[in-house]
Amino acid sequence: MTSPSDGKVRRVMRSLPVPARRLRALVSIEGLLAVGLVTALFVLSLEVEALGGSTPYRNAGLAITTVCALAVAVRAALVRAEGAAGIRGRYLAPLGRLLRDPLALSAGVYFAYSGIHSLVVDRYVLATGLALIALLLVSAMNQVDVSRLVVALRWGFLALLALLLVPALTSGGYDETKRVWIDILPGRYFGWSNPNALALLAGIGILLALPSLRSRVGALLVLLSSILLALTASYTTLIALPVAIVVFYVFAHPKSALLLKPLPRVKVGLLQGVTLLVAAAILVGTAQIGTAWGIRLLDDLQDRLLLSNRSALWSDLLTQTRDEHTFLTGLGSMRLGEYTMEILGVQTAHSTLLQSYLAGGFLMAALLIITATVAVFRTLQSLSATRSLPGRLALALALYLCVVALTSTQPASPPVLLLVLLLAGALPTRRPAPAPAADTAAPSDDVVIETDDVASHPAKPPHSAG
C-alpha cells in the first residue's frame, strides 16, 4: 500500500546520500519488521544456561523486538490516517478493511487465543508477550511492501547467521556425542541453541537468497547458510530444502499458471482446491489422533514405515496423556513437557501439529491449520495473478516450514510463523496496473539501495503488435 505522498518521498530519497537512505530504510515499516523478527529468532534460539544462567541477553532482545513491534504499529496507523478525515476515515475504515482480510483475521485470532491460553493455562508470560507482539505486527500486514520486506529480511538474516556462527570460530558449541556429516568436526554444532533450530534458520536463509543469487549479498547468504546447515547435520532440513527450491523454480515457468487457473464454474484453481482438501483432511485427522483408533493407526504406520526416530515418542505420548488431555484446551506446554522429558528426555513433542493439539487442544490446532491454509491460499491466489519473485518465495517458505513441522515445533513459534504470514499478507492478489511513465524508473521510498533488491528489476514492457 502506498500513501499519496509517495512521489514526493521518492524525490526526497533520491536527493539523500546513501547512508541517509539506508537509515530511512531501517526505520521504515519493512526495516522495523525485519529487525524485530530477526531479533526474536535469535532470542528464542538462546540457551540461557549456556550464557551463565542469566537472562540479560534474552531480556535485551525481547526489548528490541517489543520496541520494533510498537514502532511498526504506530507507523502503520499513521499511514492509514494520512489523507483521511474524521475518526471514521482515519481509524474505523482501515480497521474494517483489516478485519475483512481473511489472513489478518485468522492470524489475529490465532495469536490472541495462543497468548490467552499461555497466560491462563501455563502462566507463561514470555509466550503471552510474544503473542501480543505478533498481534501488533499483524496489524501492519496490509501496509507492507513485500519487495522491500524481502530485501530487509535478507540483510537481517545475513547478520543473524554471522552471529550464530560465532561459537564455531572459537571451537565451541559442539557436542561430541552427536552425529556429524564432516569427519573433521569435533561434533554436531549446537552454538547457543539446538541444532534443529539452527538448521531451520539456515534453510530460511538459503530460500531468502534465491531471488538474488547473482548479487554479493545473496551469494554470501547462501555461503553462511550452507556452512551452518553442514555443521548442524539436520536431515529434516536436508529433505525439506530441496523440495522448497524446486517449487520456487517450477512456478517461474509459464505453464505453472495452468495449475492456478480457476476451473470452469469454480472460483479456485487446481492447487487451491487441493490445498483446501488437504487442510480439511488434516483437521479431521487431528480430531481423531487422540482416540484409540488414531493411536492404533499411528502404531501401524510406525511398524510399516520409518516415520521418524521420534515416532515412538508420539505413540507413547498419545497413550499416556489420553486420560488427562482435554480435547478443546489441551494440557498446556508445561505439563506436556513433563511427559516428553519422562518418555524421551526432550522438551517438546517434536511435531508442530501434535504439540499444538496436546498443549493447546483441538481449538489451538484448528486455528493453526486454518491460518496456515489461508496463507497458502493467499499465496497461490497472488501467483495466479502474477508469478512474482516474492510470491514464489512465500510459497517455497510455506512448503519448507510445512515439511519441517512434521518433526519439529519451531515452525509454529511466533517469529517463524509471522515470517510467512507477513510475506503472504503483503502479496498483491490482482495483476498490478501499469505504472505512469514518470514513475517507472523511480526507486521506491525507504528501500535499501542495493543490487539484490527484488523490486529494482522492473518487468520488461510487452512487445508492440507492430
Protein backbone atom coordinates (compact mmCIF):
# COMPACT_ATOMS: atom_id res chain seq x y z
CA MET A 1 0.00 0.00 0.00
CA THR A 2 1.31 3.42 -0.89
CA SER A 3 0.45 6.82 0.50
CA PRO A 4 -0.48 9.93 -1.51
CA SER A 5 2.94 11.44 -0.88
CA ASP A 6 4.91 8.59 -2.46
CA GLY A 7 6.09 10.66 -5.43
CA LYS A 8 7.38 13.42 -3.19
CA VAL A 9 9.10 10.89 -0.91
CA ARG A 10 10.85 9.28 -3.88
CA ARG A 11 12.23 12.63 -5.00
CA VAL A 12 13.47 13.35 -1.47
CA MET A 13 15.04 9.89 -1.21
CA ARG A 14 16.97 10.34 -4.47
CA SER A 15 18.43 13.59 -3.14
CA LEU A 16 19.74 11.95 0.06
CA PRO A 17 23.20 10.36 0.42
CA VAL A 18 23.39 6.57 0.64
CA PRO A 19 23.86 6.41 4.47
CA ALA A 20 20.77 8.56 4.96
CA ARG A 21 18.75 6.36 2.61
CA ARG A 22 19.82 3.25 4.48
CA LEU A 23 18.91 4.83 7.81
CA ARG A 24 15.50 5.73 6.44
CA ALA A 25 15.11 2.15 5.17
CA LEU A 26 15.94 0.84 8.65
CA VAL A 27 13.15 2.85 10.30
CA SER A 28 10.59 2.03 7.60
CA ILE A 29 7.85 -0.48 8.37
CA GLU A 30 9.72 -3.17 6.45
CA GLY A 31 13.03 -2.40 8.17
CA LEU A 32 11.47 -2.42 11.64
CA LEU A 33 9.70 -5.69 10.85
CA ALA A 34 12.96 -7.30 9.76
CA VAL A 35 14.85 -6.11 12.86
CA GLY A 36 12.07 -7.28 15.17
CA LEU A 37 11.67 -10.70 13.56
CA VAL A 38 15.39 -11.42 13.30
CA THR A 39 16.00 -10.35 16.90
CA ALA A 40 13.13 -12.54 18.13
CA LEU A 41 14.50 -15.51 16.18
CA PHE A 42 17.92 -15.07 17.78
CA VAL A 43 16.49 -14.63 21.27
CA LEU A 44 14.27 -17.69 21.07
CA SER A 45 17.26 -19.78 19.93
CA LEU A 46 19.32 -18.89 23.00
CA GLU A 47 20.01 -21.46 25.68
CA VAL A 48 20.08 -19.31 28.81
CA GLU A 49 22.18 -21.84 30.76
CA ALA A 50 24.91 -21.60 28.12
CA LEU A 51 25.23 -17.90 28.92
CA GLY A 52 25.88 -18.36 32.61
CA GLY A 53 22.31 -18.96 33.75
CA SER A 54 21.28 -15.30 33.44
CA THR A 55 18.73 -13.71 31.13
CA PRO A 56 20.11 -10.25 30.19
CA TYR A 57 20.64 -11.27 26.57
CA ARG A 58 17.10 -12.60 26.24
CA ASN A 59 15.59 -9.59 28.00
CA ALA A 60 17.53 -7.15 25.82
CA GLY A 61 16.46 -8.97 22.67
CA LEU A 62 12.82 -9.02 23.73
CA ALA A 63 13.01 -5.30 24.49
CA ILE A 64 14.32 -4.63 20.96
CA THR A 65 11.57 -6.78 19.45
CA THR A 66 8.88 -5.04 21.52
CA VAL A 67 10.11 -1.56 20.54
CA CYS A 68 10.15 -2.57 16.87
CA ALA A 69 6.62 -4.01 17.11
CA LEU A 70 5.27 -0.86 18.74
CA ALA A 71 7.01 1.32 16.14
CA VAL A 72 5.56 -0.80 13.32
CA ALA A 73 2.05 -0.49 14.75
CA VAL A 74 2.41 3.30 15.15
CA ARG A 75 3.80 3.77 11.64
CA ALA A 76 1.04 1.62 10.16
CA ALA A 77 -1.59 3.67 12.00
CA LEU A 78 -0.05 6.91 10.71
CA VAL A 79 -0.07 5.62 7.14
CA ARG A 80 -3.73 4.66 7.47
CA ALA A 81 -4.62 8.11 8.84
CA GLU A 82 -2.77 10.02 6.11
CA GLY A 83 -5.13 11.87 3.83
CA ALA A 84 -8.23 10.73 5.75
CA ALA A 85 -10.68 12.98 7.59
CA GLY A 86 -12.53 12.26 10.80
CA ILE A 87 -12.38 9.31 13.16
CA ARG A 88 -14.27 7.08 10.73
CA GLY A 89 -11.93 7.80 7.83
CA ARG A 90 -8.74 7.60 9.87
CA TYR A 91 -9.36 4.57 12.10
CA LEU A 92 -12.67 2.77 11.63
CA ALA A 93 -12.48 2.31 7.86
CA PRO A 94 -8.88 0.93 7.88
CA LEU A 95 -9.74 -1.30 10.84
CA GLY A 96 -12.74 -2.62 8.93
CA ARG A 97 -10.57 -3.44 5.91
CA LEU A 98 -8.12 -5.26 8.18
CA LEU A 99 -10.89 -7.32 9.78
CA ARG A 100 -12.25 -8.21 6.33
CA ASP A 101 -8.85 -9.61 5.37
CA PRO A 102 -9.14 -13.41 5.97
CA LEU A 103 -5.41 -13.85 6.61
CA ALA A 104 -5.12 -10.94 9.06
CA LEU A 105 -8.29 -12.08 10.84
CA SER A 106 -7.26 -15.74 11.16
CA ALA A 107 -3.72 -14.81 12.25
CA GLY A 108 -5.05 -12.31 14.80
CA VAL A 109 -7.48 -14.83 16.29
CA TYR A 110 -4.77 -17.50 16.48
CA PHE A 111 -2.20 -15.28 18.21
CA ALA A 112 -4.82 -13.82 20.56
CA TYR A 113 -6.00 -17.29 21.64
CA SER A 114 -2.41 -18.52 21.91
CA GLY A 115 -1.50 -15.65 24.23
CA ILE A 116 -4.58 -16.08 26.42
CA HIS A 117 -4.02 -19.85 26.62
CA SER A 118 -0.36 -19.43 27.63
CA LEU A 119 -1.29 -16.95 30.34
CA VAL A 120 -4.29 -18.84 31.78
CA VAL A 121 -3.10 -22.46 31.48
CA ASP A 122 0.71 -22.20 31.68
CA ARG A 123 1.18 -18.85 33.43
CA TYR A 124 3.90 -18.37 30.79
CA VAL A 125 4.33 -14.61 30.49
CA LEU A 126 7.03 -14.84 27.79
CA ALA A 127 4.76 -16.74 25.39
CA THR A 128 1.93 -14.32 26.10
CA GLY A 129 4.20 -11.36 25.39
CA LEU A 130 5.34 -12.87 22.08
CA ALA A 131 1.70 -13.42 21.09
CA LEU A 132 0.90 -9.77 21.82
CA ILE A 133 3.90 -8.67 19.78
CA ALA A 134 2.67 -10.87 16.93
CA LEU A 135 -0.74 -9.18 17.13
CA LEU A 136 0.91 -5.76 16.78
CA LEU A 137 2.83 -6.90 13.71
CA VAL A 138 -0.26 -8.47 12.13
CA SER A 139 -1.95 -5.06 12.36
CA ALA A 140 0.58 -3.76 9.81
CA MET A 141 0.13 -6.66 7.39
CA ASN A 142 -1.64 -4.67 4.67
CA GLN A 143 0.83 -1.75 4.94
CA VAL A 144 3.91 -3.76 3.94
CA ASP A 145 5.74 -3.51 0.63
CA VAL A 146 6.65 -7.14 0.05
CA SER A 147 9.70 -6.46 -2.14
CA ARG A 148 11.26 -4.12 0.41
CA LEU A 149 10.46 -6.62 3.17
CA VAL A 150 12.34 -9.39 1.33
CA VAL A 151 15.39 -7.14 0.96
CA ALA A 152 15.30 -6.14 4.64
CA LEU A 153 14.92 -9.76 5.76
CA ARG A 154 17.85 -10.78 3.59
CA TRP A 155 20.14 -8.28 5.28
CA GLY A 156 18.77 -9.22 8.70
CA PHE A 157 19.39 -12.93 8.15
CA LEU A 158 22.89 -12.19 6.93
CA ALA A 159 23.67 -10.59 10.30
CA LEU A 160 21.81 -13.33 12.20
CA LEU A 161 23.69 -16.21 10.56
CA ALA A 162 27.04 -14.50 11.12
CA LEU A 163 26.16 -14.16 14.80
CA LEU A 164 25.06 -17.80 15.10
CA LEU A 165 28.41 -18.95 13.69
CA VAL A 166 30.47 -17.03 16.26
CA PRO A 167 30.84 -20.03 18.66
CA ALA A 168 32.15 -22.13 15.76
CA LEU A 169 35.02 -19.70 15.26
CA THR A 170 36.14 -20.33 18.85
CA SER A 171 35.79 -24.14 18.51
CA GLY A 172 32.85 -24.04 20.92
CA GLY A 173 29.23 -25.14 20.75
CA TYR A 174 29.87 -28.73 19.64
CA ASP A 175 28.50 -31.97 21.10
CA GLU A 176 30.96 -34.84 20.61
CA THR A 177 28.30 -37.50 21.23
CA LYS A 178 26.10 -36.47 18.29
CA ARG A 179 26.28 -37.23 14.57
CA VAL A 180 28.36 -35.24 12.08
CA TRP A 181 28.39 -35.00 8.29
CA ILE A 182 32.05 -33.97 8.12
CA ASP A 183 34.52 -36.23 9.95
CA ILE A 184 36.96 -33.46 10.85
CA LEU A 185 34.36 -31.70 13.01
CA PRO A 186 34.58 -32.27 16.78
CA GLY A 187 30.82 -32.99 16.97
CA ARG A 188 27.40 -31.74 15.99
CA TYR A 189 27.14 -27.96 16.18
CA PHE A 190 24.74 -26.56 18.78
CA GLY A 191 26.03 -23.00 19.07
CA TRP A 192 23.91 -21.21 21.67
CA SER A 193 20.85 -23.22 20.72
CA ASN A 194 19.82 -26.65 19.46
CA PRO A 195 20.92 -27.89 16.02
CA ASN A 196 17.39 -28.28 14.64
CA ALA A 197 16.57 -24.61 15.30
CA LEU A 198 19.84 -23.52 13.69
CA ALA A 199 19.23 -25.73 10.66
CA LEU A 200 15.73 -24.27 10.27
CA LEU A 201 17.21 -20.76 10.14
CA ALA A 202 19.90 -21.90 7.70
CA GLY A 203 17.22 -23.22 5.35
CA ILE A 204 15.28 -19.96 5.55
CA GLY A 205 18.48 -18.06 4.76
CA ILE A 206 19.06 -20.09 1.59
CA LEU A 207 15.47 -19.55 0.44
CA LEU A 208 15.67 -15.79 1.05
CA ALA A 209 18.78 -15.69 -1.15
CA LEU A 210 17.14 -17.41 -4.14
CA PRO A 211 15.78 -14.22 -5.77
CA SER A 212 19.26 -12.64 -5.76
CA LEU A 213 21.85 -15.37 -6.19
CA ARG A 214 23.93 -13.24 -8.56
CA SER A 215 24.40 -10.46 -6.02
CA ARG A 216 27.11 -10.37 -3.38
CA VAL A 217 24.58 -10.34 -0.55
CA GLY A 218 22.72 -13.35 -1.94
CA ALA A 219 25.92 -15.34 -2.53
CA LEU A 220 27.22 -14.58 0.97
CA LEU A 221 23.88 -15.54 2.50
CA VAL A 222 23.96 -18.91 0.70
CA LEU A 223 27.55 -19.49 1.85
CA LEU A 224 26.85 -18.79 5.54
CA SER A 225 23.59 -20.77 5.46
CA SER A 226 25.28 -23.76 3.83
CA ILE A 227 28.08 -23.75 6.42
CA LEU A 228 25.55 -23.64 9.27
CA LEU A 229 23.47 -26.44 7.72
CA ALA A 230 26.55 -28.65 7.30
CA LEU A 231 27.60 -28.05 10.91
CA THR A 232 24.14 -28.86 12.33
CA ALA A 233 23.68 -32.06 10.27
CA SER A 234 19.88 -31.84 10.15
CA TYR A 235 18.24 -34.45 7.92
CA THR A 236 14.83 -32.78 8.18
CA THR A 237 16.13 -29.55 6.67
CA LEU A 238 18.12 -31.53 4.10
CA ILE A 239 14.84 -33.10 2.90
CA ALA A 240 12.63 -30.01 3.12
CA LEU A 241 15.00 -27.53 1.48
CA PRO A 242 15.32 -29.17 -1.99
CA VAL A 243 11.53 -29.56 -2.16
CA ALA A 244 11.06 -25.84 -1.48
CA ILE A 245 13.76 -24.87 -4.01
CA VAL A 246 12.12 -26.99 -6.72
CA VAL A 247 8.76 -25.31 -6.04
CA PHE A 248 10.38 -21.86 -6.25
CA TYR A 249 11.74 -22.55 -9.74
CA VAL A 250 8.77 -24.58 -11.02
CA PHE A 251 6.44 -21.62 -10.55
CA ALA A 252 8.77 -19.45 -12.61
CA HIS A 253 7.69 -21.44 -15.67
CA PRO A 254 4.75 -20.03 -17.64
CA LYS A 255 2.99 -23.41 -17.76
CA SER A 256 2.67 -23.38 -13.97
CA ALA A 257 -0.23 -20.95 -14.47
CA LEU A 258 -2.33 -23.92 -15.60
CA LEU A 259 -2.27 -25.26 -12.03
CA LEU A 260 -3.57 -21.95 -10.70
CA LYS A 261 -6.08 -21.02 -13.38
CA PRO A 262 -9.66 -21.12 -11.98
CA LEU A 263 -11.53 -24.17 -13.19
CA PRO A 264 -14.84 -23.84 -15.06
CA ARG A 265 -17.67 -22.89 -12.69
CA VAL A 266 -15.17 -22.92 -9.80
CA LYS A 267 -13.54 -19.83 -8.30
CA VAL A 268 -10.31 -21.59 -7.34
CA GLY A 269 -7.61 -23.35 -9.30
CA LEU A 270 -6.43 -26.92 -9.02
CA LEU A 271 -3.77 -26.24 -6.39
CA GLN A 272 -6.08 -24.05 -4.32
CA GLY A 273 -8.66 -26.83 -4.30
CA VAL A 274 -6.06 -29.43 -3.33
CA THR A 275 -4.88 -27.13 -0.51
CA LEU A 276 -8.41 -26.91 0.90
CA LEU A 277 -8.92 -30.69 0.69
CA VAL A 278 -5.59 -31.42 2.40
CA ALA A 279 -6.36 -28.90 5.16
CA ALA A 280 -9.78 -30.47 5.73
CA ALA A 281 -8.22 -33.94 5.93
CA ILE A 282 -5.60 -32.74 8.44
CA LEU A 283 -8.31 -31.07 10.51
CA VAL A 284 -10.36 -34.28 10.67
CA GLY A 285 -7.25 -36.36 11.38
CA THR A 286 -6.25 -34.06 14.23
CA ALA A 287 -9.65 -34.51 15.83
CA GLN A 288 -9.19 -38.30 15.73
CA ILE A 289 -5.49 -38.62 16.59
CA GLY A 290 -6.08 -38.86 20.33
CA THR A 291 -8.65 -41.64 20.05
CA ALA A 292 -7.91 -45.36 20.30
CA TRP A 293 -8.36 -45.64 16.53
CA GLY A 294 -5.88 -42.80 15.91
CA ILE A 295 -3.24 -44.26 18.22
CA ARG A 296 -3.64 -47.70 16.63
CA LEU A 297 -3.26 -46.20 13.15
CA LEU A 298 -0.08 -44.39 14.20
CA ASP A 299 1.33 -47.65 15.58
CA ASP A 300 0.54 -49.44 12.31
CA LEU A 301 2.25 -46.73 10.28
CA GLN A 302 5.24 -46.88 12.59
CA ASP A 303 5.54 -50.63 12.01
CA ARG A 304 5.39 -50.26 8.21
CA LEU A 305 7.30 -47.02 7.72
CA LEU A 306 10.16 -45.27 9.45
CA LEU A 307 8.25 -42.04 10.02
CA SER A 308 10.89 -40.52 12.29
CA ASN A 309 13.10 -41.53 15.18
CA ARG A 310 10.58 -39.54 17.26
CA SER A 311 7.60 -41.69 16.22
CA ALA A 312 7.95 -43.81 19.34
CA LEU A 313 7.59 -40.62 21.39
CA TRP A 314 4.38 -39.69 19.58
CA SER A 315 2.69 -43.02 20.24
CA ASP A 316 3.69 -43.15 23.92
CA LEU A 317 2.73 -39.51 24.37
CA LEU A 318 -0.77 -40.01 22.99
CA THR A 319 -1.26 -43.13 25.11
CA GLN A 320 -0.07 -41.64 28.40
CA THR A 321 -1.89 -38.32 28.03
CA ARG A 322 -5.16 -39.80 26.84
CA ASP A 323 -6.87 -39.74 30.24
CA GLU A 324 -5.58 -36.32 31.29
CA HIS A 325 -5.78 -34.46 27.98
CA THR A 326 -8.71 -32.08 27.49
CA PHE A 327 -9.92 -32.16 23.88
CA LEU A 328 -10.58 -28.44 23.42
CA THR A 329 -7.98 -26.79 25.67
CA GLY A 330 -5.17 -29.35 26.00
CA LEU A 331 -2.64 -29.94 28.75
CA GLY A 332 -0.57 -26.80 28.46
CA SER A 333 3.02 -26.74 27.22
CA MET A 334 4.50 -27.03 30.74
CA ARG A 335 2.58 -30.19 31.62
CA LEU A 336 3.24 -31.67 28.19
CA GLY A 337 6.95 -31.00 28.65
CA GLU A 338 6.90 -33.14 31.80
CA TYR A 339 5.58 -36.08 29.77
CA THR A 340 8.09 -35.67 26.93
CA MET A 341 11.01 -35.38 29.37
CA GLU A 342 9.89 -38.56 31.13
CA ILE A 343 9.46 -40.53 27.90
CA LEU A 344 12.44 -39.46 25.81
CA GLY A 345 14.25 -36.66 27.65
CA VAL A 346 13.17 -33.92 25.25
CA GLN A 347 11.19 -30.73 25.94
CA THR A 348 8.59 -30.90 23.15
CA ALA A 349 6.60 -33.41 21.14
CA HIS A 350 8.88 -32.85 18.09
CA SER A 351 5.87 -32.29 15.84
CA THR A 352 4.18 -28.94 15.35
CA LEU A 353 0.68 -30.32 14.93
CA LEU A 354 0.96 -32.81 17.78
CA GLN A 355 2.45 -30.16 20.07
CA SER A 356 -0.38 -27.75 19.26
CA TYR A 357 -3.04 -30.43 19.80
CA LEU A 358 -1.70 -31.82 23.08
CA ALA A 359 -0.59 -28.49 24.59
CA GLY A 360 -3.34 -26.21 23.28
CA GLY A 361 -6.13 -28.62 22.46
CA PHE A 362 -8.07 -29.10 19.25
CA LEU A 363 -9.03 -25.43 19.18
CA MET A 364 -5.40 -24.31 19.07
CA ALA A 365 -4.51 -26.87 16.41
CA ALA A 366 -7.55 -25.96 14.30
CA LEU A 367 -6.70 -22.25 14.40
CA LEU A 368 -3.12 -23.02 13.35
CA ILE A 369 -4.30 -25.20 10.45
CA ILE A 370 -6.79 -22.57 9.28
CA THR A 371 -4.20 -19.77 9.45
CA ALA A 372 -1.62 -21.78 7.51
CA THR A 373 -4.22 -22.76 4.91
CA VAL A 374 -5.34 -19.17 4.38
CA ALA A 375 -1.69 -18.09 3.98
CA VAL A 376 -1.00 -20.75 1.33
CA PHE A 377 -4.31 -19.98 -0.40
CA ARG A 378 -3.44 -16.25 -0.48
CA THR A 379 -0.02 -17.02 -1.94
CA LEU A 380 -1.48 -19.22 -4.68
CA GLN A 381 -4.07 -16.55 -5.43
CA SER A 382 -1.29 -14.00 -5.87
CA LEU A 383 0.72 -16.34 -8.09
CA SER A 384 -2.32 -16.84 -10.31
CA ALA A 385 -2.26 -13.07 -10.98
CA THR A 386 1.49 -12.60 -11.31
CA ARG A 387 4.43 -15.00 -10.89
CA SER A 388 6.41 -12.53 -8.80
CA LEU A 389 9.63 -13.42 -7.01
CA PRO A 390 8.17 -12.60 -3.56
CA GLY A 391 5.13 -14.79 -4.31
CA ARG A 392 7.27 -17.75 -5.30
CA LEU A 393 9.45 -17.16 -2.23
CA ALA A 394 6.42 -17.07 0.08
CA LEU A 395 5.13 -20.37 -1.36
CA ALA A 396 8.56 -22.03 -1.07
CA LEU A 397 8.89 -20.86 2.54
CA ALA A 398 5.40 -22.09 3.42
CA LEU A 399 6.10 -25.54 1.94
CA TYR A 400 9.52 -25.67 3.62
CA LEU A 401 8.02 -24.95 7.04
CA CYS A 402 5.21 -27.49 6.48
CA VAL A 403 7.76 -30.25 5.83
CA VAL A 404 9.95 -29.23 8.78
CA ALA A 405 6.85 -29.08 11.00
CA LEU A 406 6.42 -32.86 10.67
CA THR A 407 9.28 -33.47 13.13
CA SER A 408 9.85 -30.05 14.71
CA THR A 409 7.91 -27.47 16.73
CA GLN A 410 9.90 -24.39 15.64
CA PRO A 411 7.69 -23.55 12.61
CA ALA A 412 4.80 -22.64 14.94
CA SER A 413 6.85 -20.20 17.04
CA PRO A 414 5.52 -16.64 16.53
CA PRO A 415 8.58 -15.17 14.73
CA VAL A 416 8.86 -18.05 12.23
CA LEU A 417 5.13 -18.19 11.58
CA LEU A 418 4.95 -14.40 11.22
CA LEU A 419 7.70 -14.51 8.61
CA VAL A 420 5.46 -16.44 6.21
CA LEU A 421 2.23 -14.68 7.21
CA LEU A 422 3.64 -11.21 6.58
CA LEU A 423 5.08 -12.22 3.21
CA ALA A 424 1.80 -13.83 2.16
CA GLY A 425 -0.31 -10.97 3.50
CA ALA A 426 1.69 -8.34 1.61
CA LEU A 427 1.38 -10.08 -1.76
CA PRO A 428 -0.89 -8.49 -4.38
CA THR A 429 -3.91 -10.62 -5.28
CA ARG A 430 -4.56 -8.79 -8.56
CA ARG A 431 -2.36 -8.02 -11.53
CA PRO A 432 -0.90 -4.54 -10.91
CA ALA A 433 -1.91 -1.73 -13.25
CA PRO A 434 0.82 -0.27 -15.49
CA ALA A 435 2.73 2.48 -13.68
CA PRO A 436 2.82 6.03 -15.10
CA ALA A 437 5.79 6.74 -17.33
CA ALA A 438 7.15 9.38 -14.96
CA ASP A 439 7.39 6.92 -12.06
CA THR A 440 8.65 3.87 -13.97
CA ALA A 441 12.33 4.36 -13.23
CA ALA A 442 11.89 5.94 -9.81
CA PRO A 443 13.13 3.79 -6.91
CA SER A 444 10.57 3.08 -4.21
CA ASP A 445 10.85 5.01 -0.97
CA ASP A 446 12.50 3.53 2.12
CA VAL A 447 14.11 0.75 0.10
CA VAL A 448 17.68 -0.34 0.76
CA ILE A 449 19.62 0.75 -2.30
CA GLU A 450 21.42 -2.46 -3.22
CA THR A 451 21.79 -4.57 -6.34
CA ASP A 452 19.90 -7.51 -4.78
CA ASP A 453 16.60 -5.62 -4.38
CA VAL A 454 13.88 -7.75 -5.94
CA ALA A 455 11.96 -4.57 -6.68
CA SER A 456 14.83 -3.00 -8.58
CA HIS A 457 14.29 -5.14 -11.69
CA PRO A 458 11.13 -3.83 -13.40
CA ALA A 459 9.30 -6.14 -15.73
CA LYS A 460 10.04 -5.76 -19.43
CA PRO A 461 7.37 -3.88 -21.36
CA PRO A 462 5.17 -6.01 -23.60
CA HIS A 463 6.11 -6.21 -27.25
CA SER A 464 4.07 -3.99 -29.50
CA ALA A 465 1.84 -5.51 -32.18
CA GLY A 466 3.74 -3.71 -34.88
